[in-house]
Protein backbone atom coordinates (compact mmCIF):
# COMPACT_ATOMS: atom_id res chain seq x y z
CA MET A 1 -10.68 5.17 26.13
CA ARG A 2 -9.77 5.25 22.46
CA ILE A 3 -6.45 3.53 22.96
CA ALA A 4 -8.03 0.64 24.86
CA HIS A 5 -10.68 0.33 22.05
CA LEU A 6 -7.97 0.33 19.37
CA ALA A 7 -5.89 -2.22 21.25
CA GLY A 8 -8.98 -4.40 21.71
CA GLY A 9 -9.79 -4.06 18.03
CA ILE A 10 -6.61 -5.48 16.72
CA VAL A 11 -7.26 -8.78 15.12
CA LEU A 12 -3.84 -9.30 13.53
CA ALA A 13 -0.87 -7.02 14.10
CA ALA A 14 0.80 -7.81 10.73
CA ALA A 15 0.73 -10.74 8.43
CA ALA A 16 3.52 -10.84 5.85
CA LEU A 17 2.71 -12.85 2.74
CA ALA A 18 5.37 -13.18 0.06
CA ALA A 19 3.64 -12.49 -3.18
CA PRO A 20 5.09 -14.18 -6.32
CA ASN A 21 7.10 -11.91 -8.61
CA THR A 22 7.32 -8.98 -6.19
CA SER A 23 10.39 -7.36 -4.72
CA GLN A 24 8.95 -6.73 -1.33
CA ALA A 25 6.77 -8.80 1.09
CA ARG A 26 3.05 -7.97 0.92
CA THR A 27 1.87 -6.87 4.32
CA THR A 28 -1.74 -6.40 5.48
CA VAL A 29 -2.80 -4.99 8.78
CA VAL A 30 -6.30 -5.50 10.24
CA VAL A 31 -7.83 -3.38 12.95
CA GLY A 32 -11.34 -2.59 14.30
CA VAL A 33 -10.91 1.15 14.20
CA ALA A 34 -10.92 3.36 11.12
CA PRO A 35 -7.89 5.47 10.41
CA PRO A 36 -8.17 9.23 10.89
CA ALA A 37 -8.89 11.40 7.89
CA ALA A 38 -5.88 11.83 5.55
CA ARG A 39 -3.78 14.91 6.13
CA VAL A 40 -3.55 17.50 3.38
CA GLU A 41 -0.13 17.51 1.72
CA VAL A 42 1.26 19.79 -0.88
CA VAL A 43 2.40 17.58 -3.80
CA PRO A 44 5.78 18.95 -5.09
CA ALA A 45 6.41 19.51 -8.83
CA PRO A 46 7.18 16.29 -10.78
CA ARG A 47 10.72 14.98 -10.74
CA ALA A 48 12.15 12.99 -13.69
CA GLY A 49 12.74 9.32 -12.75
CA PHE A 50 10.72 9.59 -9.49
CA LEU A 51 7.21 8.87 -8.32
CA TRP A 52 5.44 10.84 -5.58
CA VAL A 53 3.97 8.51 -2.90
CA PRO A 54 1.22 10.34 -0.89
CA GLY A 55 1.20 10.24 2.88
CA TYR A 56 -0.96 7.66 4.69
CA TRP A 57 -1.92 6.43 8.14
CA ASP A 58 0.05 3.32 9.17
CA LEU A 59 -0.38 1.40 12.40
CA ARG A 60 2.54 1.23 14.75
CA GLY A 61 2.24 -0.26 18.16
CA HIS A 62 -1.40 0.23 18.89
CA ARG A 63 -1.77 3.72 17.35
CA HIS A 64 -2.27 5.23 13.95
CA HIS A 65 0.94 6.98 12.82
CA TRP A 66 1.11 9.40 9.89
CA VAL A 67 3.78 8.52 7.24
CA ALA A 68 4.54 11.67 5.23
CA GLY A 69 4.54 11.67 1.46
CA HIS A 70 7.84 11.10 -0.25
CA TRP A 71 9.63 10.46 -3.51
CA GLU A 72 10.34 6.96 -4.66
CA ARG A 73 12.77 6.22 -7.56
CA GLU A 74 10.85 4.67 -10.44
CA ARG A 75 11.59 0.99 -11.07
CA ARG A 76 11.57 -0.20 -14.69
CA GLY A 77 9.30 -3.27 -15.08
CA TYR A 78 7.42 -2.64 -11.77
CA ARG A 79 4.13 -0.96 -10.85
CA PHE A 80 3.76 0.92 -7.60
CA ASN A 81 0.71 0.02 -5.46
CA GLU A 82 -0.19 2.96 -3.20
CA PRO A 83 -1.15 2.30 0.43
CA ARG A 84 -4.92 2.06 1.07
CA TRP A 85 -7.33 1.33 3.88
CA ILE A 86 -10.32 -0.96 2.97
CA GLU A 87 -13.36 -1.49 5.28
CA ARG A 88 -14.94 -4.96 5.23
CA ASP A 89 -17.52 -6.12 7.82
CA GLY A 90 -16.50 -3.64 10.44
CA ARG A 91 -12.76 -4.28 10.16
CA TRP A 92 -10.24 -2.02 8.49
CA TYR A 93 -7.53 -3.61 6.30
CA LEU A 94 -4.35 -1.65 5.41
CA GLU A 95 -2.58 -2.64 2.28
CA ARG A 96 0.87 -1.20 2.66
CA PRO A 97 2.68 0.38 -0.31
CA ARG A 98 4.84 -1.89 -2.45
CA TRP A 99 6.33 -2.48 -5.86
CA ALA A 100 4.87 -5.25 -7.99
CA ARG A 101 6.49 -6.74 -11.08
CA ASP A 102 4.73 -5.67 -14.33
CA ARG A 103 6.84 -6.82 -17.33
CA ASP A 104 4.24 -5.84 -19.95
CA ARG A 105 3.62 -2.41 -18.37
CA ASP A 106 -0.14 -2.71 -18.63
CA GLY A 107 -0.72 -1.53 -14.99
CA VAL A 108 -1.57 -4.99 -13.81
CA PRO A 109 1.02 -6.73 -11.63
CA ASN A 110 2.21 -9.98 -13.14
CA TRP A 111 1.05 -12.18 -10.32
CA ARG A 112 -2.49 -10.91 -10.99
CA ASP A 113 -2.37 -10.71 -14.71
CA ARG A 114 -4.17 -13.30 -16.82
CA ALA A 115 -1.94 -12.45 -19.80
CA PRO A 116 1.41 -11.43 -18.29
CA ASN A 117 3.05 -11.19 -21.76
CA ASN A 118 0.08 -9.26 -23.17
CA PRO A 119 0.65 -9.88 -26.88
CA ASN A 120 -1.68 -6.97 -27.81
CA ARG A 121 0.61 -4.40 -26.16
CA GLN A 122 3.49 -2.83 -28.09
């Protein structure tokens, strides 16, 4: 029974960690079962002032649930971190999508940047 295996593989339903200088809580989900293969989505033509976020498998209840791709309004001074699943030691970690502060616009969120003011950047 796949559902029983998935329910048994849940180590942590959701842990919310507030990351410094971010506008949303950082949430990581850990399970013992890999997500299904990503669905193929047609990416629409670019829209000025918006960012396309591709669809991804989320975990809701004890099942994988597809979240369809959608447009997000761009946020000045922030970098968007796309959702991703990472496998470590037989466990699957989902890093949910979020906006992270990036004042110097170097692509590295400020909370992780060694030089957040990046004097070499114009």
